Structure formats: C-alpha cells, structure tokens
N, C-alpha and C. Protein backbone atom coordinates (compact mmCIF):
# COMPACT_ATOMS: atom_id res chain seq x y z
N MET A 1 0.74 -1.16 0.16
CA MET A 1 0.08 -0.03 -0.12
C MET A 1 0.72 1.14 0.03
N THR A 2 0.53 2.16 -0.89
CA THR A 2 1.60 3.44 -1.29
C THR A 2 1.08 4.58 0.16
N VAL A 3 2.08 5.30 0.44
CA VAL A 3 1.65 6.04 1.38
C VAL A 3 0.24 7.12 1.01
N SER A 4 -0.01 7.27 -0.06
CA SER A 4 -1.49 8.19 -0.29
C SER A 4 -2.83 7.16 -0.09
N GLN A 5 -2.24 5.92 -0.75
CA GLN A 5 -3.52 4.67 -0.25
C GLN A 5 -3.34 4.25 1.16
N ALA A 6 -2.59 4.51 2.03
CA ALA A 6 -2.68 4.55 3.17
C ALA A 6 -3.40 5.50 4.13
N ALA A 7 -2.94 6.56 3.55
CA ALA A 7 -3.77 8.02 4.04
C ALA A 7 -5.26 7.86 3.60
N VAL A 8 -5.89 7.59 2.47
CA VAL A 8 -7.26 7.21 2.36
C VAL A 8 -7.64 6.56 3.24
N ALA A 9 -6.71 5.23 3.63
CA ALA A 9 -7.51 4.02 4.36
C ALA A 9 -7.77 4.52 5.60
N ARG A 10 -6.87 5.61 6.34
CA ARG A 10 -7.04 5.97 7.39
C ARG A 10 -7.84 7.15 7.70
N THR A 11 -8.08 7.92 6.47
CA THR A 11 -9.26 8.94 6.50
C THR A 11 -10.61 8.24 7.25
N HIS A 12 -11.08 9.05 8.05
CA HIS A 12 -12.54 8.30 8.53
C HIS A 12 -13.18 9.78 9.31
N ASP A 13 -14.41 9.54 9.43
CA ASP A 13 -15.38 10.58 9.95
C ASP A 13 -15.40 10.19 11.79
N HIS A 14 -15.41 11.03 11.98
CA HIS A 14 -15.43 11.05 13.50
C HIS A 14 -15.85 12.46 14.43
N ALA A 15 -16.69 11.96 15.74
CA ALA A 15 -16.96 13.25 15.78
C ALA A 15 -16.19 13.59 17.17
N HIS A 16 -16.53 15.02 17.64
CA HIS A 16 -15.66 15.75 18.63
C HIS A 16 -16.84 15.67 19.72
N HIS A 17 -16.75 15.16 20.44
CA HIS A 17 -17.89 15.24 21.66
C HIS A 17 -17.40 16.19 22.90
N HIS A 18 -18.45 16.82 23.55
CA HIS A 18 -17.85 18.14 24.27
C HIS A 18 -18.81 17.62 25.67
N GLY A 19 -18.49 18.02 26.80
CA GLY A 19 -19.12 18.13 27.86
C GLY A 19 -19.53 16.56 28.17
N ALA A 20 -21.18 16.60 28.87
CA ALA A 20 -21.69 15.28 29.26
C ALA A 20 -21.65 14.05 28.26
N ALA A 21 -21.33 14.83 26.94
CA ALA A 21 -21.50 13.41 25.55
C ALA A 21 -19.86 12.89 25.61
N LEU A 22 -18.87 13.99 26.34
CA LEU A 22 -17.45 13.34 25.81
C LEU A 22 -17.35 12.40 27.17
N ALA A 23 -17.82 12.63 28.22
CA ALA A 23 -17.34 11.78 29.54
C ALA A 23 -18.66 10.46 29.31
N ALA A 24 -19.26 10.89 28.49
CA ALA A 24 -20.31 9.18 28.31
C ALA A 24 -19.54 8.31 27.21
N ALA A 25 -18.93 9.08 26.31
CA ALA A 25 -18.31 8.34 25.25
C ALA A 25 -16.84 7.68 26.02
N ALA A 26 -16.33 8.63 26.77
CA ALA A 26 -15.00 8.01 27.34
C ALA A 26 -15.41 6.79 28.09
N ARG A 27 -16.65 6.83 28.85
CA ARG A 27 -16.79 6.18 29.95
C ARG A 27 -17.13 4.46 28.92
N ALA A 28 -18.00 4.73 28.12
CA ALA A 28 -18.17 3.70 27.10
C ALA A 28 -16.92 2.99 26.38
N ALA A 29 -16.15 3.68 25.96
CA ALA A 29 -14.73 3.22 25.43
C ALA A 29 -13.83 2.49 26.59
N LEU A 30 -13.69 2.94 27.59
CA LEU A 30 -13.31 2.28 28.66
C LEU A 30 -13.90 1.02 29.27
N GLU A 31 -15.04 1.24 29.40
CA GLU A 31 -15.97 -0.48 29.75
C GLU A 31 -15.88 -1.24 28.70
N GLU A 32 -15.60 -0.86 27.47
CA GLU A 32 -15.70 -1.75 26.17
C GLU A 32 -14.27 -2.64 26.61
N ARG A 33 -13.47 -1.91 26.95
CA ARG A 33 -11.90 -2.34 27.10
C ARG A 33 -12.10 -3.06 28.47
N GLY A 34 -13.00 -3.40 28.97
CA GLY A 34 -13.39 -4.40 30.28
C GLY A 34 -12.96 -3.49 31.78
N GLU A 35 -12.61 -2.38 31.42
CA GLU A 35 -12.21 -1.57 32.56
C GLU A 35 -13.37 -1.12 33.13
N GLN A 36 -13.41 -0.46 34.68
CA GLN A 36 -14.31 0.20 35.09
C GLN A 36 -14.44 1.56 35.25
N TRP A 37 -15.52 2.63 35.17
CA TRP A 37 -15.26 3.87 35.23
C TRP A 37 -15.98 4.28 36.65
N THR A 38 -14.65 4.22 37.35
CA THR A 38 -14.85 4.41 39.07
C THR A 38 -15.10 5.92 39.00
N ALA A 39 -15.49 6.61 40.28
CA ALA A 39 -15.65 7.60 40.78
C ALA A 39 -14.44 8.22 40.54
N LEU A 40 -13.09 7.88 41.07
CA LEU A 40 -11.94 8.46 40.82
C LEU A 40 -11.70 8.85 39.82
N ARG A 41 -11.73 7.68 38.56
CA ARG A 41 -11.45 8.04 37.33
C ARG A 41 -12.54 9.12 36.60
N ALA A 42 -13.64 8.82 36.98
CA ALA A 42 -14.19 9.70 36.22
C ALA A 42 -14.02 11.58 36.98
N SER A 43 -13.71 11.45 38.14
CA SER A 43 -13.00 12.68 38.81
C SER A 43 -11.68 13.16 37.96
N VAL A 44 -11.07 12.35 37.55
CA VAL A 44 -10.12 13.04 36.89
C VAL A 44 -10.07 12.85 35.57
N PHE A 45 -10.93 12.32 34.66
CA PHE A 45 -11.66 12.92 33.28
C PHE A 45 -12.06 14.19 33.28
N ASP A 46 -13.13 14.56 34.41
CA ASP A 46 -13.51 15.83 34.24
C ASP A 46 -12.37 16.79 34.49
N VAL A 47 -11.57 16.80 35.12
CA VAL A 47 -10.40 17.81 35.04
C VAL A 47 -9.75 17.81 33.84
N LEU A 48 -9.55 16.39 32.98
CA LEU A 48 -8.85 16.76 32.08
C LEU A 48 -9.82 17.60 30.78
N ARG A 49 -11.06 17.46 31.05
CA ARG A 49 -12.02 18.24 29.95
C ARG A 49 -11.78 19.85 30.60
N LEU A 50 -10.79 20.50 31.33
CA LEU A 50 -10.51 21.75 31.49
C LEU A 50 -9.69 22.17 30.13
N ASP A 51 -9.96 23.62 29.67
CA ASP A 51 -9.63 24.18 28.63
C ASP A 51 -8.08 24.27 28.28
N ARG A 52 -7.27 24.06 29.27
CA ARG A 52 -5.81 23.84 29.36
C ARG A 52 -5.61 22.42 30.05
N PRO A 53 -4.50 21.95 29.40
CA PRO A 53 -3.55 20.52 29.50
C PRO A 53 -3.18 20.67 31.18
N ALA A 54 -3.55 19.52 31.81
CA ALA A 54 -3.36 19.32 33.45
C ALA A 54 -1.92 18.32 33.82
N SER A 55 -1.13 18.84 34.66
CA SER A 55 -0.16 17.66 34.78
C SER A 55 -0.60 16.89 35.36
N ALA A 56 -0.03 15.59 36.16
CA ALA A 56 -0.66 14.83 36.79
C ALA A 56 -0.62 15.60 38.36
N TYR A 57 0.61 16.64 38.60
CA TYR A 57 0.31 16.93 39.90
C TYR A 57 -0.97 18.20 39.96
N ASP A 58 -1.13 18.72 38.69
CA ASP A 58 -2.50 19.78 38.96
C ASP A 58 -3.48 18.68 39.15
N VAL A 59 -3.75 17.79 38.36
CA VAL A 59 -5.05 16.95 38.47
C VAL A 59 -4.93 16.42 40.15
N THR A 60 -3.91 16.33 40.77
CA THR A 60 -3.99 15.62 42.01
C THR A 60 -4.39 16.89 42.84
N GLU A 61 -3.63 18.06 43.12
CA GLU A 61 -4.12 19.23 43.44
C GLU A 61 -5.52 19.50 43.63
N LEU A 62 -5.97 19.45 42.29
CA LEU A 62 -7.45 19.89 42.31
C LEU A 62 -8.31 18.65 42.70
N LEU A 63 -8.12 17.49 42.49
CA LEU A 63 -8.78 16.48 43.08
C LEU A 63 -9.12 16.46 44.61
N SER A 64 -7.22 16.64 45.11
CA SER A 64 -7.75 16.69 46.55
C SER A 64 -8.54 18.09 47.38
N ALA A 65 -8.03 19.25 46.47
CA ALA A 65 -9.10 20.31 47.04
C ALA A 65 -10.37 20.09 46.71
N ALA A 66 -11.21 19.68 45.90
CA ALA A 66 -12.52 19.35 45.75
C ALA A 66 -12.81 18.47 46.83
N GLN A 67 -12.02 17.34 46.78
CA GLN A 67 -12.57 16.16 47.64
C GLN A 67 -12.44 16.40 49.37
N GLY A 68 -11.46 17.50 49.47
CA GLY A 68 -11.43 17.89 50.93
C GLY A 68 -10.56 16.65 51.66
N ARG A 69 -9.74 15.90 51.00
CA ARG A 69 -8.59 14.85 51.39
C ARG A 69 -7.79 14.78 50.06
N ARG A 70 -6.52 14.16 50.63
CA ARG A 70 -5.31 14.29 49.94
C ARG A 70 -5.60 12.77 48.88
N VAL A 71 -5.63 13.30 47.60
CA VAL A 71 -5.68 11.93 46.70
C VAL A 71 -4.22 11.80 46.15
N ALA A 72 -3.96 10.26 46.48
CA ALA A 72 -2.58 9.58 46.25
C ALA A 72 -2.29 9.94 44.79
N ALA A 73 -1.15 10.70 44.53
CA ALA A 73 -0.49 10.73 43.27
C ALA A 73 -0.30 9.79 42.19
N ASN A 74 -0.08 8.47 42.94
CA ASN A 74 0.49 7.47 42.13
C ASN A 74 -1.11 6.78 41.93
N SER A 75 -2.28 6.87 42.55
CA SER A 75 -3.51 6.97 42.10
C SER A 75 -3.84 7.54 40.68
N VAL A 76 -3.39 8.83 40.64
CA VAL A 76 -3.77 9.79 39.67
C VAL A 76 -2.69 9.26 38.38
N TYR A 77 -1.49 8.79 38.38
CA TYR A 77 -0.59 8.76 37.34
C TYR A 77 -0.89 7.47 37.06
N ARG A 78 -1.58 6.23 37.51
CA ARG A 78 -2.10 5.01 37.25
C ARG A 78 -3.32 5.31 36.07
N ILE A 79 -4.25 5.93 36.62
CA ILE A 79 -5.66 6.45 35.94
C ILE A 79 -4.75 7.58 34.37
N LEU A 80 -4.18 8.08 34.47
CA LEU A 80 -3.39 8.56 33.48
C LEU A 80 -2.76 7.62 32.24
N ASP A 81 -2.08 7.28 32.90
CA ASP A 81 -1.53 6.26 32.02
C ASP A 81 -2.59 5.04 31.44
N LEU A 82 -3.69 4.62 32.40
CA LEU A 82 -4.71 4.15 31.56
C LEU A 82 -5.50 4.75 30.88
N PHE A 83 -5.93 5.94 30.75
CA PHE A 83 -6.54 6.93 29.83
C PHE A 83 -5.68 7.01 28.48
N VAL A 84 -4.29 7.16 28.50
CA VAL A 84 -3.68 7.60 27.53
C VAL A 84 -3.69 5.85 26.52
N ALA A 85 -3.64 5.37 27.59
CA ALA A 85 -3.39 3.21 26.62
C ALA A 85 -4.79 3.27 26.14
N SER A 86 -5.87 3.56 26.63
CA SER A 86 -7.30 3.44 26.50
C SER A 86 -7.71 4.67 25.40
N ASN A 87 -6.79 5.58 24.93
CA ASN A 87 -7.38 6.59 23.95
C ASN A 87 -8.23 7.39 24.62
N LEU A 88 -8.44 7.75 25.83
CA LEU A 88 -9.17 8.81 26.57
C LEU A 88 -8.60 10.13 26.63
N ALA A 89 -7.09 9.86 26.70
CA ALA A 89 -6.34 10.82 27.05
C ALA A 89 -5.41 11.50 25.93
N GLN A 90 -4.83 12.56 25.95
CA GLN A 90 -3.75 12.53 25.09
C GLN A 90 -2.65 13.25 26.01
N ARG A 91 -1.29 12.79 25.61
CA ARG A 91 -0.37 13.77 26.38
C ARG A 91 0.42 14.65 25.51
N ILE A 92 0.60 15.79 26.15
CA ILE A 92 1.10 17.24 25.64
C ILE A 92 2.96 17.06 25.91
N GLU A 93 3.52 16.36 25.15
CA GLU A 93 4.55 15.78 25.78
C GLU A 93 5.41 17.20 25.93
N SER A 94 5.46 18.18 25.34
CA SER A 94 6.52 19.76 25.77
C SER A 94 5.70 19.88 27.08
N ALA A 95 4.84 19.83 27.61
CA ALA A 95 4.38 20.65 28.71
C ALA A 95 4.28 19.46 29.80
N ASN A 96 4.55 18.08 29.45
CA ASN A 96 4.23 16.99 30.28
C ASN A 96 2.90 16.71 30.95
N ALA A 97 1.90 17.18 30.48
CA ALA A 97 0.52 17.35 30.70
C ALA A 97 -0.38 16.64 29.82
N TYR A 98 -1.55 16.44 30.19
CA TYR A 98 -2.42 15.69 29.59
C TYR A 98 -4.26 16.25 29.25
N ILE A 99 -4.64 15.89 28.24
CA ILE A 99 -5.78 16.70 27.83
C ILE A 99 -7.07 15.37 27.54
N ALA A 100 -8.35 15.89 27.72
CA ALA A 100 -9.32 14.66 27.14
C ALA A 100 -8.86 14.53 25.53
N ASN A 101 -9.44 13.54 25.39
CA ASN A 101 -9.52 13.38 23.80
C ASN A 101 -10.67 13.51 23.43
N PRO A 102 -10.96 14.43 22.25
CA PRO A 102 -12.44 14.79 22.17
C PRO A 102 -13.17 13.95 21.44
N HIS A 103 -12.80 12.65 21.16
CA HIS A 103 -13.29 11.36 20.36
C HIS A 103 -12.42 10.17 20.73
N PRO A 104 -12.95 9.71 21.82
CA PRO A 104 -12.17 8.38 22.53
C PRO A 104 -12.40 7.15 21.77
N GLY A 105 -13.30 7.20 21.13
CA GLY A 105 -13.47 5.93 20.21
C GLY A 105 -12.44 5.80 18.68
N CYS A 106 -11.70 6.80 18.69
CA CYS A 106 -10.97 6.83 17.16
C CYS A 106 -9.62 7.05 17.40
N ARG A 107 -9.06 6.04 17.04
CA ARG A 107 -7.67 6.08 17.52
C ARG A 107 -7.00 6.90 15.64
N HIS A 108 -6.24 7.60 15.62
CA HIS A 108 -5.21 8.18 14.88
C HIS A 108 -4.45 9.24 15.66
N ASP A 109 -3.41 9.72 14.46
CA ASP A 109 -2.40 10.36 14.86
C ASP A 109 -3.13 12.27 15.23
N CYS A 110 -2.81 12.93 15.88
CA CYS A 110 -3.39 14.28 16.12
C CYS A 110 -1.98 15.54 16.36
N MET A 111 -2.72 16.43 16.26
CA MET A 111 -1.65 17.58 16.36
C MET A 111 -2.30 18.80 17.38
N PHE A 112 -1.49 19.16 18.20
CA PHE A 112 -1.77 20.04 18.83
C PHE A 112 -1.07 21.56 18.88
N LEU A 113 -1.96 22.29 18.78
CA LEU A 113 -1.45 23.81 18.64
C LEU A 113 -1.38 24.32 20.10
N VAL A 114 -0.31 24.74 20.75
CA VAL A 114 -0.35 24.92 22.13
C VAL A 114 0.08 26.48 22.42
N CYS A 115 -0.61 26.97 22.93
CA CYS A 115 -0.34 28.62 23.27
C CYS A 115 0.56 28.89 24.30
N ASP A 116 1.65 29.40 23.82
CA ASP A 116 3.36 29.74 24.78
C ASP A 116 2.59 30.68 25.69
N ARG A 117 1.50 31.37 25.81
CA ARG A 117 1.02 32.72 26.53
C ARG A 117 0.14 32.07 27.55
N CYS A 118 -1.14 31.71 27.41
CA CYS A 118 -2.14 31.31 27.94
C CYS A 118 -2.28 29.50 28.37
N GLY A 119 -1.49 29.17 27.64
CA GLY A 119 -1.20 27.43 28.00
C GLY A 119 -2.63 26.41 27.00
N ARG A 120 -3.30 26.91 26.24
CA ARG A 120 -4.55 26.16 25.97
C ARG A 120 -3.79 25.31 24.89
N ALA A 121 -4.36 24.00 24.72
CA ALA A 121 -3.84 23.23 23.94
C ALA A 121 -5.06 23.06 22.82
N THR A 122 -5.00 23.25 21.49
CA THR A 122 -6.07 22.85 20.83
C THR A 122 -5.41 21.63 19.80
N HIS A 123 -6.46 20.56 19.84
CA HIS A 123 -6.54 19.08 19.08
C HIS A 123 -6.73 19.49 17.61
N VAL A 124 -5.88 19.47 16.65
CA VAL A 124 -6.31 19.54 15.55
C VAL A 124 -6.06 18.43 14.64
N ASP A 125 -6.85 17.53 14.02
CA ASP A 125 -6.77 16.59 13.07
C ASP A 125 -6.27 16.96 11.51
N ASN A 126 -5.48 16.20 11.01
CA ASN A 126 -4.87 16.36 9.77
C ASN A 126 -4.28 15.48 9.35
N ASP A 127 -4.99 14.61 9.03
CA ASP A 127 -4.60 13.21 8.49
C ASP A 127 -3.48 13.18 7.38
N ALA A 128 -3.50 14.28 6.36
CA ALA A 128 -2.73 14.51 5.32
C ALA A 128 -1.28 14.75 6.13
N VAL A 129 -1.30 15.76 6.71
CA VAL A 129 -0.04 16.22 7.64
C VAL A 129 0.48 15.05 8.14
N THR A 130 0.00 14.27 9.16
CA THR A 130 0.29 13.17 10.15
C THR A 130 0.97 12.08 9.13
N GLU A 131 0.20 11.68 8.14
CA GLU A 131 1.00 10.75 7.01
C GLU A 131 1.95 10.82 6.45
N GLN A 132 2.36 12.35 6.20
CA GLN A 132 3.22 12.86 5.85
C GLN A 132 4.76 12.63 6.55
N VAL A 133 4.07 12.95 7.76
CA VAL A 133 5.18 12.58 9.03
C VAL A 133 5.56 11.26 9.21
N ARG A 134 4.75 10.29 9.14
CA ARG A 134 5.15 8.82 9.14
C ARG A 134 5.88 8.32 7.93
N ALA A 135 5.42 9.26 6.53
CA ALA A 135 6.02 8.33 5.53
C ALA A 135 7.29 8.96 5.28
N ALA A 136 8.06 10.12 6.16
CA ALA A 136 9.05 10.69 6.31
C ALA A 136 9.97 9.70 7.33
N ALA A 137 9.42 9.08 8.36
CA ALA A 137 10.16 8.66 9.13
C ALA A 137 10.18 7.12 8.41
N LEU A 138 9.41 6.29 7.86
CA LEU A 138 9.48 5.19 7.37
C LEU A 138 10.68 5.38 6.34
N ARG A 139 10.79 6.45 5.45
CA ARG A 139 11.78 6.84 4.56
C ARG A 139 13.22 6.79 4.99
N ALA A 140 13.22 7.09 6.48
CA ALA A 140 14.33 7.24 6.97
C ALA A 140 14.93 5.91 7.87
N GLY A 141 13.96 4.72 7.50
CA GLY A 141 14.27 3.66 8.15
C GLY A 141 13.39 3.40 9.47
N PHE A 142 12.99 4.66 9.73
CA PHE A 142 12.47 4.43 11.20
C PHE A 142 10.88 3.99 11.16
N ALA A 143 10.13 3.04 12.13
CA ALA A 143 9.26 2.71 12.53
C ALA A 143 8.16 3.44 13.25
N PRO A 144 7.36 4.37 12.98
CA PRO A 144 6.63 4.94 13.76
C PRO A 144 5.81 4.60 14.29
N GLU A 145 5.41 4.81 15.63
CA GLU A 145 4.22 3.98 16.61
C GLU A 145 3.73 5.27 16.83
N HIS A 146 3.76 6.15 17.43
CA HIS A 146 2.59 6.94 17.71
C HIS A 146 3.12 8.19 17.57
N PRO A 147 3.22 9.39 16.47
CA PRO A 147 3.98 10.64 16.30
C PRO A 147 2.91 11.55 17.00
N VAL A 148 3.69 12.52 17.66
CA VAL A 148 3.02 13.63 18.11
C VAL A 148 3.85 14.73 17.71
N ILE A 149 2.65 15.96 17.27
CA ILE A 149 2.98 16.85 16.65
C ILE A 149 2.69 17.97 17.57
N GLU A 150 3.54 18.78 18.20
CA GLU A 150 2.86 20.20 18.76
C GLU A 150 3.34 21.56 17.87
N VAL A 151 2.68 22.20 17.91
CA VAL A 151 3.53 23.13 17.23
C VAL A 151 2.92 24.55 18.42
N HIS A 152 4.02 25.06 18.73
CA HIS A 152 3.95 26.34 19.84
C HIS A 152 3.91 27.84 19.29
N GLY A 153 3.24 28.18 19.95
CA GLY A 153 2.89 29.84 19.58
C GLY A 153 1.72 30.55 20.04
N LEU A 154 0.76 31.50 19.36
CA LEU A 154 -0.13 32.09 20.40
C LEU A 154 -1.54 31.89 19.46
N CYS A 155 -2.23 31.59 20.52
CA CYS A 155 -3.74 31.31 20.28
C CYS A 155 -4.61 32.31 19.41
N ALA A 156 -5.54 32.51 19.23
CA ALA A 156 -5.76 33.27 18.20
C ALA A 156 -6.28 34.56 19.31
N GLU A 157 -6.70 34.44 20.44
CA GLU A 157 -7.04 35.23 21.38
C GLU A 157 -5.99 35.96 21.95
N CYS A 158 -4.88 35.12 22.41
CA CYS A 158 -3.55 36.10 22.44
C CYS A 158 -2.89 36.75 21.48
N SER A 159 -3.09 36.49 20.28
CA SER A 159 -2.43 36.75 19.31
C SER A 159 -3.05 37.96 18.96
N ALA A 160 -4.83 38.25 19.21
CA ALA A 160 -5.12 39.13 18.96
C ALA A 160 -5.03 40.65 20.22
N ALA A 161 -4.51 39.97 21.36
CA ALA A 161 -4.50 40.84 22.21
C ALA A 161 -3.59 41.64 22.18
N THR A 162 -2.45 40.63 21.55
CA THR A 162 -0.90 41.49 21.39
C THR A 162 -1.06 42.47 20.27
N VAL A 163 -2.04 42.25 19.16
CA VAL A 163 -1.96 43.38 18.31
C VAL A 163 -3.00 44.82 18.70
N ALA A 164 -3.55 44.24 19.72
CA ALA A 164 -4.74 45.54 20.17
C ALA A 164 -3.71 46.40 21.19
C-alpha cells in the first residue's frame, strides 16, 4: 500500500464530543476495554476536560481540593496511564501534561497547537499532515508508532490581544 493509499484508508469520520457527551463516550470506550469507570476515574477525566492541559500534579491538587482529602498521586498517575493507553486522553509532550481526547473511540495521530502565553492546547486533526510525518519516518528507516506533533505559538485570543 502506498502512502497515499494508506492516507485514504486512515481517513475517517469521527465526532468530537463535548461536555456530558464526551464523558459518556469516554466511559463507554473504557468499559468496552473491560475496565471500570470508577468515581475517581470520572473525577480525573473531568479535570482533563478543562480548557488547558493538566499535569499529573495539577490533577492531584485539584482533586484533593475538591474532595477535601489528599488524593494519592500514584493513583492519578495510574489513571492517566490507563487513559492514554485507552485513548481517552492525550499527552502534550512538551508540557508533560494531559488533555481529554475529544473523540475517544477513534485512534489516529493528532496535532496540538499550544499557546505559549495562556497554555491552551487546541487539538487539530489533519491526516494528510500526519501521514507525511509517518512517511518521512519510514523513508528514514524508522518505524513510527505514535507521532506527536506540537506547534507552539500564540492562540487567536492571545495573538489578537498582542495586536490590540
């Protein structure tokens, strides 16, 4: 299969979920894997649905404050690892932080636009670009497993604030 054929084969239609629909889709995807959707897992996922990526430390602190008791950091790390492995969350490598995957039932390479001023990370799907990255890796004799593409700069809001 050529790279362009692979790109067509990987092109798909997927819905971006928001709010309660996102939590329901994440729960369904996790349970489909034979895992339980516990109260702590639901709470961790709720933190990941915020508009900025959260580090494991951020998640632990937010949950501890919300629950009025100390949440164990190792529990949060295990949940984050499970969420990434289950495609419920994605890791923003450069920030060592996590964000909810808006389409947990769909596996493909994603790109993130990371604002250096406000910290927001915008998830962008562009199979043509990610296929080119995979193709370049293959041409170099490298077997890509999960390319992570991050573009740093200023989001539209921060960019507009700079001009004003």
